[in-house]
Amino acid sequence: MPVNLPADLPAVGTLSAENVFVMTKKQAQSQDIRPLRIGIVNLMPTKIETETQLLRMLSNTPLQVEIILLQMSSHTSKNTAKEHLDAFYQTFDDIKDSVLDGLIITGAPIETLPFEKVNYWEELCKVMEWSKTHVYSTMHICWGAQAGLYYHYGVDKYSLDKKLSGVYPHRVLIPTCRLTRGFDDPFYAPHSRYTDVLTREVENTGLVIISTSEEAGLYIAASRNRRQVFVTGHAEYDINTLDNEYRRDISKGLEIAPPLNYYPNNDPNNPPEMRWRAHAHLLFANWLNYYVYQETPYNLASLL
């Protein structure tokens, strides 16, 4: 079953060319079914790229999903056209009286800033507080995971000696966890960040540690009722995303190592290999199925 999207959203053409089943809102409205309402708080500067990546993941299930794209009204995007944002995005004020089945809060390349120094931090805090009562399950990704851990549980991030960038092996710590059902052991996932959180501090909050990596640290944690999920990596990344980031950093004159376990023989002259595609689709499909679809009430107003 498809994701439900505006007909002229750029991702529709890209995904259709990949034989991904997408449905326009006009088509969806003719079906007698309640789609899952999933909000995406897109904090990445390359919003169209991130939209496409996440929609690719969310489309790979038998569930119909209605997407609500959200931006921070307290931040002016420098990398996405205002016309695109005006056409496809809403703000928190637009949806604060709504209820959603699920919410995704993306990463953002601002992890070296203290949270309180981020110009939209206050607004994001309002969204995260609202999510506790108006959203059934929220998935936080990368910096979004760090922000959520800090806001909800007081777990702060710390700076790494060098950028963590690459595709790392991980293991599932809870074999019966439905979120990681079907994962290989080990499985691979991309990371790209300058900061980290301490696994023991996260565990001390009472959160469940679901997956870790010897090299990349904590990967997945969740509240015991699974309504708050924290993923420190970027399973949604395309094959070339880490390469684009690496080339960008090199062009800025930064001394940075190539992403680890990404290029054959760790040689950036070789085209990268994608080792995380199956895991990525499983992660989002399992979240939608087990943590949202099978748990969320049919009448969303009952969440309030």
C-alpha atoms as a PDB file:
ATOM      1  CA  MET A   1       0.000   0.000   0.000  1.00  0.00           C
ATOM      2  CA  PRO A   2       1.183   3.523  -0.687  1.00  0.00           C
ATOM      3  CA  VAL A   3       2.112   6.706   1.042  1.00  0.00           C
ATOM      4  CA  ASN A   4      -0.453   9.441   0.495  1.00  0.00           C
ATOM      5  CA  LEU A   5       1.238  12.536  -0.967  1.00  0.00           C
ATOM      6  CA  PRO A   6       0.423  15.784  -2.767  1.00  0.00           C
ATOM      7  CA  ALA A   7       0.578  15.092  -6.509  1.00  0.00           C
ATOM      8  CA  ASP A   8       3.225  17.744  -7.188  1.00  0.00           C
ATOM      9  CA  LEU A   9       5.619  16.954  -4.308  1.00  0.00           C
ATOM     10  CA  PRO A  10       9.066  16.361  -5.921  1.00  0.00           C
ATOM     11  CA  ALA A  11       9.458  13.010  -4.141  1.00  0.00           C
ATOM     12  CA  VAL A  12       6.447  11.592  -6.025  1.00  0.00           C
ATOM     13  CA  GLY A  13       8.293  11.562  -9.351  1.00  0.00           C
ATOM     14  CA  THR A  14      11.482  10.168  -7.837  1.00  0.00           C
ATOM     15  CA  LEU A  15       9.720   7.353  -5.996  1.00  0.00           C
ATOM     16  CA  SER A  16       7.433   6.488  -8.896  1.00  0.00           C
ATOM     17  CA  ALA A  17      10.501   6.077 -11.129  1.00  0.00           C
ATOM     18  CA  GLU A  18      11.789   3.554  -8.559  1.00  0.00           C
ATOM     19  CA  ASN A  19       8.500   1.600  -8.801  1.00  0.00           C
ATOM     20  CA  VAL A  20       7.558   2.716  -5.291  1.00  0.00           C
ATOM     21  CA  PHE A  21       3.766   2.805  -4.947  1.00  0.00           C
ATOM     22  CA  VAL A  22       2.658   6.338  -4.072  1.00  0.00           C
ATOM     23  CA  MET A  23      -0.902   7.618  -4.067  1.00  0.00           C
ATOM     24  CA  THR A  24      -2.145  11.164  -4.533  1.00  0.00           C
ATOM     25  CA  LYS A  25      -4.524  12.624  -1.985  1.00  0.00           C
ATOM     26  CA  LYS A  26      -7.330  12.573  -4.571  1.00  0.00           C
ATOM     27  CA  GLN A  27      -6.930   8.822  -5.018  1.00  0.00           C
ATOM     28  CA  ALA A  28      -6.664   8.196  -1.276  1.00  0.00           C
ATOM     29  CA  GLN A  29      -9.848  10.109  -0.511  1.00  0.00           C
ATOM     30  CA  SER A  30     -11.828   7.672  -2.666  1.00  0.00           C
ATOM     31  CA  GLN A  31     -10.855   4.731  -0.418  1.00  0.00           C
ATOM     32  CA  ASP A  32     -12.959   3.782   2.600  1.00  0.00           C
ATOM     33  CA  ILE A  33     -10.022   3.428   4.988  1.00  0.00           C
ATOM     34  CA  ARG A  34      -8.363   5.530   7.662  1.00  0.00           C
ATOM     35  CA  PRO A  35      -4.705   6.051   6.756  1.00  0.00           C
ATOM     36  CA  LEU A  36      -2.066   6.391   9.424  1.00  0.00           C
ATOM     37  CA  ARG A  37      -1.306  10.067  10.000  1.00  0.00           C
ATOM     38  CA  ILE A  38       2.476  10.469  10.266  1.00  0.00           C
ATOM     39  CA  GLY A  39       4.141  13.831  10.820  1.00  0.00           C
ATOM     40  CA  ILE A  40       7.734  14.489   9.776  1.00  0.00           C
ATOM     41  CA  VAL A  41       9.531  17.350  11.552  1.00  0.00           C
ATOM     42  CA  ASN A  42      12.169  17.930   8.894  1.00  0.00           C
ATOM     43  CA  LEU A  43      15.136  19.741  10.459  1.00  0.00           C
ATOM     44  CA  MET A  44      17.659  18.863   7.748  1.00  0.00           C
ATOM     45  CA  PRO A  45      18.864  21.673   5.462  1.00  0.00           C
ATOM     46  CA  THR A  46      18.426  19.514   2.344  1.00  0.00           C
ATOM     47  CA  LYS A  47      14.717  19.061   2.940  1.00  0.00           C
ATOM     48  CA  ILE A  48      13.705  17.604  -0.424  1.00  0.00           C
ATOM     49  CA  GLU A  49      16.438  14.958  -0.197  1.00  0.00           C
ATOM     50  CA  THR A  50      15.410  14.054   3.340  1.00  0.00           C
ATOM     51  CA  GLU A  51      11.712  13.958   2.404  1.00  0.00           C
ATOM     52  CA  THR A  52      12.462  11.486  -0.377  1.00  0.00           C
ATOM     53  CA  GLN A  53      14.634   9.293   1.827  1.00  0.00           C
ATOM     54  CA  LEU A  54      12.029   9.020   4.581  1.00  0.00           C
ATOM     55  CA  LEU A  55       9.101   8.594   2.206  1.00  0.00           C
ATOM     56  CA  ARG A  56      10.972   5.760   0.500  1.00  0.00           C
ATOM     57  CA  MET A  57      11.186   4.003   3.860  1.00  0.00           C
ATOM     58  CA  LEU A  58       7.579   4.687   4.895  1.00  0.00           C
ATOM     59  CA  SER A  59       6.167   3.448   1.589  1.00  0.00           C
ATOM     60  CA  ASN A  60       7.473  -0.105   1.924  1.00  0.00           C
ATOM     61  CA  THR A  61       4.566  -1.516   3.970  1.00  0.00           C
ATOM     62  CA  PRO A  62       0.976  -2.650   3.263  1.00  0.00           C
ATOM     63  CA  LEU A  63      -0.298   0.391   5.179  1.00  0.00           C
ATOM     64  CA  GLN A  64      -1.667   3.593   3.734  1.00  0.00           C
ATOM     65  CA  VAL A  65       0.132   6.548   5.282  1.00  0.00           C
ATOM     66  CA  GLU A  66      -0.840  10.204   5.167  1.00  0.00           C
ATOM     67  CA  ILE A  67       2.222  12.434   5.522  1.00  0.00           C
ATOM     68  CA  ILE A  68       2.238  15.827   7.237  1.00  0.00           C
ATOM     69  CA  LEU A  69       5.497  17.694   6.598  1.00  0.00           C
ATOM     70  CA  LEU A  70       6.443  20.130   9.353  1.00  0.00           C
ATOM     71  CA  GLN A  71       8.975  22.956   9.560  1.00  0.00           C
ATOM     72  CA  MET A  72      10.106  25.226  12.366  1.00  0.00           C
ATOM     73  CA  SER A  73       8.487  28.647  11.996  1.00  0.00           C
ATOM     74  CA  SER A  74      11.270  30.125  14.161  1.00  0.00           C
ATOM     75  CA  HIS A  75      13.929  29.147  11.602  1.00  0.00           C
ATOM     76  CA  THR A  76      14.457  30.403   8.051  1.00  0.00           C
ATOM     77  CA  SER A  77      15.725  27.682   5.720  1.00  0.00           C
ATOM     78  CA  LYS A  78      18.656  28.721   3.523  1.00  0.00           C
ATOM     79  CA  ASN A  79      18.783  25.583   1.387  1.00  0.00           C
ATOM     80  CA  THR A  80      15.145  24.954   0.445  1.00  0.00           C
ATOM     81  CA  ALA A  81      13.041  27.290  -1.662  1.00  0.00           C
ATOM     82  CA  LYS A  82      10.358  29.212   0.207  1.00  0.00           C
ATOM     83  CA  GLU A  83       7.906  28.210  -2.522  1.00  0.00           C
ATOM     84  CA  HIS A  84       8.467  24.532  -1.687  1.00  0.00           C
ATOM     85  CA  LEU A  85       8.020  25.108   2.033  1.00  0.00           C
ATOM     86  CA  ASP A  86       4.901  27.214   1.515  1.00  0.00           C
ATOM     87  CA  ALA A  87       3.392  24.566  -0.772  1.00  0.00           C
ATOM     88  CA  PHE A  88       4.085  21.428   1.220  1.00  0.00           C
ATOM     89  CA  TYR A  89       4.952  22.281   4.829  1.00  0.00           C
ATOM     90  CA  GLN A  90       2.959  23.224   7.885  1.00  0.00           C
ATOM     91  CA  THR A  91       4.095  24.663  11.196  1.00  0.00           C
ATOM     92  CA  PHE A  92       3.426  23.529  14.734  1.00  0.00           C
ATOM     93  CA  ASP A  93       0.759  26.210  15.129  1.00  0.00           C
ATOM     94  CA  ASP A  94      -1.042  24.698  12.139  1.00  0.00           C
ATOM     95  CA  ILE A  95      -1.301  21.214  13.656  1.00  0.00           C
ATOM     96  CA  LYS A  96      -1.091  21.694  17.435  1.00  0.00           C
ATOM     97  CA  ASP A  97      -4.799  20.920  17.838  1.00  0.00           C
ATOM     98  CA  SER A  98      -4.444  17.721  15.777  1.00  0.00           C
ATOM     99  CA  VAL A  99      -3.562  14.193  16.856  1.00  0.00           C
ATOM    100  CA  LEU A 100      -1.207  11.915  14.931  1.00  0.00           C
ATOM    101  CA  ASP A 101      -0.537   8.199  14.849  1.00  0.00           C
ATOM    102  CA  GLY A 102       3.201   8.753  14.517  1.00  0.00           C
ATOM    103  CA  LEU A 103       5.844  11.459  14.349  1.00  0.00           C
ATOM    104  CA  ILE A 104       9.422  11.481  13.036  1.00  0.00           C
ATOM    105  CA  ILE A 105      11.877  14.138  14.215  1.00  0.00           C
ATOM    106  CA  THR A 106      14.897  14.192  11.911  1.00  0.00           C
ATOM    107  CA  GLY A 107      18.511  14.966  12.544  1.00  0.00           C
ATOM    108  CA  ALA A 108      20.162  18.329  11.893  1.00  0.00           C
ATOM    109  CA  PRO A 109      23.828  19.261  11.280  1.00  0.00           C
ATOM    110  CA  ILE A 110      24.014  21.405  14.430  1.00  0.00           C
ATOM    111  CA  GLU A 111      25.123  18.897  17.034  1.00  0.00           C
ATOM    112  CA  THR A 112      28.139  20.924  18.171  1.00  0.00           C
ATOM    113  CA  LEU A 113      25.816  23.705  19.391  1.00  0.00           C
ATOM    114  CA  PRO A 114      24.386  23.518  22.917  1.00  0.00           C
ATOM    115  CA  PHE A 115      20.704  22.669  22.597  1.00  0.00           C
ATOM    116  CA  GLU A 116      19.619  25.986  24.072  1.00  0.00           C
ATOM    117  CA  LYS A 117      21.666  27.868  21.457  1.00  0.00           C
ATOM    118  CA  VAL A 118      19.679  26.374  18.557  1.00  0.00           C
ATOM    119  CA  ASN A 119      17.425  29.126  17.278  1.00  0.00           C
ATOM    120  CA  TYR A 120      14.356  26.901  17.111  1.00  0.00           C
ATOM    121  CA  TRP A 121      14.991  24.976  20.352  1.00  0.00           C
ATOM    122  CA  GLU A 122      12.061  26.512  22.235  1.00  0.00           C
ATOM    123  CA  GLU A 123       9.677  25.671  19.409  1.00  0.00           C
ATOM    124  CA  LEU A 124      11.035  22.128  19.122  1.00  0.00           C
ATOM    125  CA  CYS A 125      10.536  21.669  22.866  1.00  0.00           C
ATOM    126  CA  LYS A 126       6.873  22.603  22.395  1.00  0.00           C
ATOM    127  CA  VAL A 127       6.587  19.958  19.676  1.00  0.00           C
ATOM    128  CA  MET A 128       8.236  17.291  21.852  1.00  0.00           C
ATOM    129  CA  GLU A 129       6.003  18.144  24.816  1.00  0.00           C
ATOM    130  CA  TRP A 130       2.923  18.088  22.574  1.00  0.00           C
ATOM    131  CA  SER A 131       3.979  14.691  21.177  1.00  0.00           C
ATOM    132  CA  LYS A 132       3.554  13.089  24.603  1.00  0.00           C
ATOM    133  CA  THR A 133      -0.212  13.621  24.487  1.00  0.00           C
ATOM    134  CA  HIS A 134      -1.032  14.111  20.789  1.00  0.00           C
ATOM    135  CA  VAL A 135       1.108  11.425  19.089  1.00  0.00           C
ATOM    136  CA  TYR A 136       0.992   7.689  19.672  1.00  0.00           C
ATOM    137  CA  SER A 137       4.643   6.908  18.818  1.00  0.00           C
ATOM    138  CA  THR A 138       7.530   9.255  18.004  1.00  0.00           C
ATOM    139  CA  MET A 139      10.776   8.240  16.297  1.00  0.00           C
ATOM    140  CA  HIS A 140      13.737  10.578  16.885  1.00  0.00           C
ATOM    141  CA  ILE A 141      16.673  10.320  14.445  1.00  0.00           C
ATOM    142  CA  CYS A 142      20.364  11.268  15.027  1.00  0.00           C
ATOM    143  CA  TRP A 143      20.432  14.842  16.422  1.00  0.00           C
ATOM    144  CA  GLY A 144      16.686  14.505  16.858  1.00  0.00           C
ATOM    145  CA  ALA A 145      17.411  11.507  19.109  1.00  0.00           C
ATOM    146  CA  GLN A 146      19.923  13.508  21.130  1.00  0.00           C
ATOM    147  CA  ALA A 147      17.440  16.382  21.420  1.00  0.00           C
ATOM    148  CA  GLY A 148      14.699  14.017  22.556  1.00  0.00           C
ATOM    149  CA  LEU A 149      16.919  12.287  25.112  1.00  0.00           C
ATOM    150  CA  TYR A 150      17.944  15.670  26.498  1.00  0.00           C
ATOM    151  CA  TYR A 151      14.445  17.128  26.631  1.00  0.00           C
ATOM    152  CA  HIS A 152      12.556  14.093  27.908  1.00  0.00           C
ATOM    153  CA  TYR A 153      15.216  12.474  30.100  1.00  0.00           C
ATOM    154  CA  GLY A 154      17.967  15.025  30.770  1.00  0.00           C
ATOM    155  CA  VAL A 155      20.657  13.007  28.943  1.00  0.00           C
ATOM    156  CA  ASP A 156      23.215  15.433  27.506  1.00  0.00           C
ATOM    157  CA  LYS A 157      25.493  14.870  24.525  1.00  0.00           C
ATOM    158  CA  TYR A 158      29.268  15.109  24.539  1.00  0.00           C
ATOM    159  CA  SER A 159      31.781  15.973  21.822  1.00  0.00           C
ATOM    160  CA  LEU A 160      33.779  13.280  20.051  1.00  0.00           C
ATOM    161  CA  ASP A 161      37.494  13.652  19.298  1.00  0.00           C
ATOM    162  CA  LYS A 162      36.697  13.308  15.594  1.00  0.00           C
ATOM    163  CA  LYS A 163      33.634  12.912  13.435  1.00  0.00           C
ATOM    164  CA  LEU A 164      31.932   9.525  13.598  1.00  0.00           C
ATOM    165  CA  SER A 165      31.217   8.779   9.962  1.00  0.00           C
ATOM    166  CA  GLY A 166      30.727   5.436   8.305  1.00  0.00           C
ATOM    167  CA  VAL A 167      28.686   2.261   8.177  1.00  0.00           C
ATOM    168  CA  TYR A 168      29.067   0.260  11.390  1.00  0.00           C
ATOM    169  CA  PRO A 169      28.068  -3.226  12.534  1.00  0.00           C
ATOM    170  CA  HIS A 170      25.447  -3.426  15.282  1.00  0.00           C
ATOM    171  CA  ARG A 171      23.842  -6.131  17.348  1.00  0.00           C
ATOM    172  CA  VAL A 172      20.339  -6.506  18.722  1.00  0.00           C
ATOM    173  CA  LEU A 173      20.357  -6.844  22.505  1.00  0.00           C
ATOM    174  CA  ILE A 174      16.728  -7.966  22.875  1.00  0.00           C
ATOM    175  CA  PRO A 175      15.986 -10.869  20.488  1.00  0.00           C
ATOM    176  CA  THR A 176      12.228 -10.614  21.093  1.00  0.00           C
ATOM    177  CA  CYS A 177      12.013  -6.893  20.298  1.00  0.00           C
ATOM    178  CA  ARG A 178       9.456  -6.320  17.559  1.00  0.00           C
ATOM    179  CA  LEU A 179      11.178  -3.155  16.326  1.00  0.00           C
ATOM    180  CA  THR A 180      14.215  -5.194  15.235  1.00  0.00           C
ATOM    181  CA  ARG A 181      12.313  -8.254  14.032  1.00  0.00           C
ATOM    182  CA  GLY A 182      14.092  -9.746  11.018  1.00  0.00           C
ATOM    183  CA  PHE A 183      17.389  -7.900  11.558  1.00  0.00           C
ATOM    184  CA  ASP A 184      20.604  -9.732  10.749  1.00  0.00           C
ATOM    185  CA  ASP A 185      23.187 -10.192  13.488  1.00  0.00           C
ATOM    186  CA  PRO A 186      25.262  -8.198  12.933  1.00  0.00           C
ATOM    187  CA  PHE A 187      23.440  -5.639  10.809  1.00  0.00           C
ATOM    188  CA  TYR A 188      24.892  -2.419   9.398  1.00  0.00           C
ATOM    189  CA  ALA A 189      23.752   1.192   9.715  1.00  0.00           C
ATOM    190  CA  PRO A 190      25.248   4.593   8.816  1.00  0.00           C
ATOM    191  CA  HIS A 191      26.282   7.198  11.383  1.00  0.00           C
ATOM    192  CA  SER A 192      27.375  10.772  10.745  1.00  0.00           C
ATOM    193  CA  ARG A 193      27.926  13.049  13.748  1.00  0.00           C
ATOM    194  CA  TYR A 194      30.409  14.893  15.947  1.00  0.00           C
ATOM    195  CA  THR A 195      28.701  14.127  19.260  1.00  0.00           C
ATOM    196  CA  ASP A 196      27.433  11.122  21.165  1.00  0.00           C
ATOM    197  CA  VAL A 197      25.505  10.087  24.282  1.00  0.00           C
ATOM    198  CA  LEU A 198      26.648   7.634  26.945  1.00  0.00           C
ATOM    199  CA  THR A 199      24.774   4.347  26.820  1.00  0.00           C
ATOM    200  CA  ARG A 200      24.926   3.942  30.592  1.00  0.00           C
ATOM    201  CA  GLU A 201      23.316   7.368  31.103  1.00  0.00           C
ATOM    202  CA  VAL A 202      20.497   6.435  28.731  1.00  0.00           C
ATOM    203  CA  GLU A 203      20.041   3.095  30.486  1.00  0.00           C
ATOM    204  CA  ASN A 204      19.896   4.844  33.875  1.00  0.00           C
ATOM    205  CA  THR A 205      16.784   6.726  32.750  1.00  0.00           C
ATOM    206  CA  GLY A 206      14.821   3.480  32.525  1.00  0.00           C
ATOM    207  CA  LEU A 207      14.805   3.461  28.735  1.00  0.00           C
ATOM    208  CA  VAL A 208      15.254   0.076  27.069  1.00  0.00           C
ATOM    209  CA  ILE A 209      18.542  -0.314  25.155  1.00  0.00           C
ATOM    210  CA  ILE A 210      17.627  -2.250  22.011  1.00  0.00           C
ATOM    211  CA  SER A 211      20.772  -2.099  19.873  1.00  0.00           C
ATOM    212  CA  THR A 212      24.382  -0.951  20.185  1.00  0.00           C
ATOM    213  CA  SER A 213      27.635  -1.000  18.237  1.00  0.00           C
ATOM    214  CA  GLU A 214      31.119  -1.510  19.639  1.00  0.00           C
ATOM    215  CA  GLU A 215      32.401   1.292  17.398  1.00  0.00           C
ATOM    216  CA  ALA A 216      29.392   3.636  17.165  1.00  0.00           C
ATOM    217  CA  GLY A 217      27.899   3.164  20.631  1.00  0.00           C
ATOM    218  CA  LEU A 218      24.173   3.371  21.301  1.00  0.00           C
ATOM    219  CA  TYR A 219      21.989   2.881  18.234  1.00  0.00           C
ATOM    220  CA  ILE A 220      18.376   2.264  19.321  1.00  0.00           C
ATOM    221  CA  ALA A 221      16.670   2.926  22.648  1.00  0.00           C
ATOM    222  CA  ALA A 222      12.987   3.197  23.486  1.00  0.00           C
ATOM    223  CA  SER A 223      10.618   3.901  26.328  1.00  0.00           C
ATOM    224  CA  ARG A 224       9.113   0.804  27.894  1.00  0.00           C
ATOM    225  CA  ASN A 225       5.738   1.524  26.305  1.00  0.00           C
ATOM    226  CA  ARG A 226       7.561   2.074  22.957  1.00  0.00           C
ATOM    227  CA  ARG A 227       5.901   5.439  22.434  1.00  0.00           C
ATOM    228  CA  GLN A 228       9.285   7.208  22.339  1.00  0.00           C
ATOM    229  CA  VAL A 229      11.952   5.679  20.053  1.00  0.00           C
ATOM    230  CA  PHE A 230      15.495   7.035  19.683  1.00  0.00           C
ATOM    231  CA  VAL A 231      17.720   6.069  16.724  1.00  0.00           C
ATOM    232  CA  THR A 232      21.172   7.668  16.778  1.00  0.00           C
ATOM    233  CA  GLY A 233      22.116   6.765  13.195  1.00  0.00           C
ATOM    234  CA  HIS A 234      20.757   7.427   9.713  1.00  0.00           C
ATOM    235  CA  ALA A 235      19.172   4.239   8.380  1.00  0.00           C
ATOM    236  CA  GLU A 236      17.249   6.368   5.871  1.00  0.00           C
ATOM    237  CA  TYR A 237      20.400   7.594   4.091  1.00  0.00           C
ATOM    238  CA  ASP A 238      20.790   6.929   0.359  1.00  0.00           C
ATOM    239  CA  ILE A 239      23.878   5.205  -0.962  1.00  0.00           C
ATOM    240  CA  ASN A 240      25.556   8.513  -1.872  1.00  0.00           C
ATOM    241  CA  THR A 241      24.635  10.603   1.189  1.00  0.00           C
ATOM    242  CA  LEU A 242      27.794   9.877   3.202  1.00  0.00           C
ATOM    243  CA  ASP A 243      29.879  10.394   0.050  1.00  0.00           C
ATOM    244  CA  ASN A 244      28.259  13.782  -0.562  1.00  0.00           C
ATOM    245  CA  GLU A 245      28.930  14.793   3.050  1.00  0.00           C
ATOM    246  CA  TYR A 246      32.548  13.669   2.805  1.00  0.00           C
ATOM    247  CA  ARG A 247      33.155  15.579  -0.464  1.00  0.00           C
ATOM    248  CA  ARG A 248      31.485  18.658   1.028  1.00  0.00           C
ATOM    249  CA  ASP A 249      33.720  18.533   4.116  1.00  0.00           C
ATOM    250  CA  ILE A 250      36.847  18.064   2.000  1.00  0.00           C
ATOM    251  CA  SER A 251      35.866  21.025  -0.196  1.00  0.00           C
ATOM    252  CA  LYS A 252      35.670  23.131   2.975  1.00  0.00           C
ATOM    253  CA  GLY A 253      39.257  22.231   3.791  1.00  0.00           C
ATOM    254  CA  LEU A 254      38.343  20.075   6.783  1.00  0.00           C
ATOM    255  CA  GLU A 255      40.749  17.337   7.789  1.00  0.00           C
ATOM    256  CA  ILE A 256      38.402  14.403   7.883  1.00  0.00           C
ATOM    257  CA  ALA A 257      38.797  10.691   7.268  1.00  0.00           C
ATOM    258  CA  PRO A 258      36.676   8.887   4.663  1.00  0.00           C
ATOM    259  CA  PRO A 259      33.519   7.248   6.062  1.00  0.00           C
ATOM    260  CA  LEU A 260      34.519   3.873   7.518  1.00  0.00           C
ATOM    261  CA  ASN A 261      33.310   0.586   5.996  1.00  0.00           C
ATOM    262  CA  TYR A 262      31.670   2.517   3.167  1.00  0.00           C
ATOM    263  CA  TYR A 263      34.026   2.550   0.203  1.00  0.00           C
ATOM    264  CA  PRO A 264      35.535  -0.787  -0.886  1.00  0.00           C
ATOM    265  CA  ASN A 265      38.955  -1.084   0.794  1.00  0.00           C
ATOM    266  CA  ASN A 266      38.091   2.238   2.537  1.00  0.00           C
ATOM    267  CA  ASP A 267      39.280   3.993  -0.620  1.00  0.00           C
ATOM    268  CA  PRO A 268      37.125   7.036  -1.524  1.00  0.00           C
ATOM    269  CA  ASN A 269      38.163   6.626  -5.158  1.00  0.00           C
ATOM    270  CA  ASN A 270      35.927   3.542  -5.233  1.00  0.00           C
ATOM    271  CA  PRO A 271      32.147   3.889  -5.535  1.00  0.00           C
ATOM    272  CA  PRO A 272      30.447   3.299  -2.162  1.00  0.00           C
ATOM    273  CA  GLU A 273      28.590   0.120  -1.283  1.00  0.00           C
ATOM    274  CA  MET A 274      25.147   0.100   0.339  1.00  0.00           C
ATOM    275  CA  ARG A 275      25.086  -2.455   3.143  1.00  0.00           C
ATOM    276  CA  TRP A 276      22.099  -1.202   5.147  1.00  0.00           C
ATOM    277  CA  ARG A 277      19.155  -1.120   2.696  1.00  0.00           C
ATOM    278  CA  ALA A 278      17.324  -4.198   4.039  1.00  0.00           C
ATOM    279  CA  HIS A 279      17.777  -3.143   7.665  1.00  0.00           C
ATOM    280  CA  ALA A 280      16.535   0.370   6.899  1.00  0.00           C
ATOM    281  CA  HIS A 281      13.293  -0.831   5.337  1.00  0.00           C
ATOM    282  CA  LEU A 282      12.728  -3.262   8.208  1.00  0.00           C
ATOM    283  CA  LEU A 283      13.293  -0.585  10.846  1.00  0.00           C
ATOM    284  CA  PHE A 284      10.649   1.759   9.465  1.00  0.00           C
ATOM    285  CA  ALA A 285       8.224  -1.024   8.499  1.00  0.00           C
ATOM    286  CA  ASN A 286       8.459  -2.567  11.972  1.00  0.00           C
ATOM    287  CA  TRP A 287       7.963   0.803  13.648  1.00  0.00           C
ATOM    288  CA  LEU A 288       4.896   1.553  11.514  1.00  0.00           C
ATOM    289  CA  ASN A 289       3.416  -1.904  11.980  1.00  0.00           C
ATOM    290  CA  TYR A 290       4.195  -2.854  15.574  1.00  0.00           C
ATOM    291  CA  TYR A 291       4.557   0.491  17.342  1.00  0.00           C
ATOM    292  CA  VAL A 292       1.969   2.517  15.425  1.00  0.00           C
ATOM    293  CA  TYR A 293      -0.600   0.562  13.393  1.00  0.00           C
ATOM    294  CA  GLN A 294      -1.192  -2.287  15.848  1.00  0.00           C
ATOM    295  CA  GLU A 295      -1.301   0.000  18.897  1.00  0.00           C
ATOM    296  CA  THR A 296      -2.782   3.351  17.917  1.00  0.00           C
ATOM    297  CA  PRO A 297      -6.522   3.831  18.547  1.00  0.00           C
ATOM    298  CA  TYR A 298      -8.799   4.003  15.505  1.00  0.00           C
ATOM    299  CA  ASN A 299     -10.315   7.170  16.945  1.00  0.00           C
ATOM    300  CA  LEU A 300      -7.241   9.346  17.405  1.00  0.00           C
ATOM    301  CA  ALA A 301      -9.184  11.796  19.552  1.00  0.00           C
ATOM    302  CA  SER A 302      -9.107   9.202  22.326  1.00  0.00           C
ATOM    303  CA  LEU A 303      -5.400  10.006  22.797  1.00  0.00           C
ATOM    304  CA  LEU A 304      -6.355  13.345  24.317  1.00  0.00           C
END
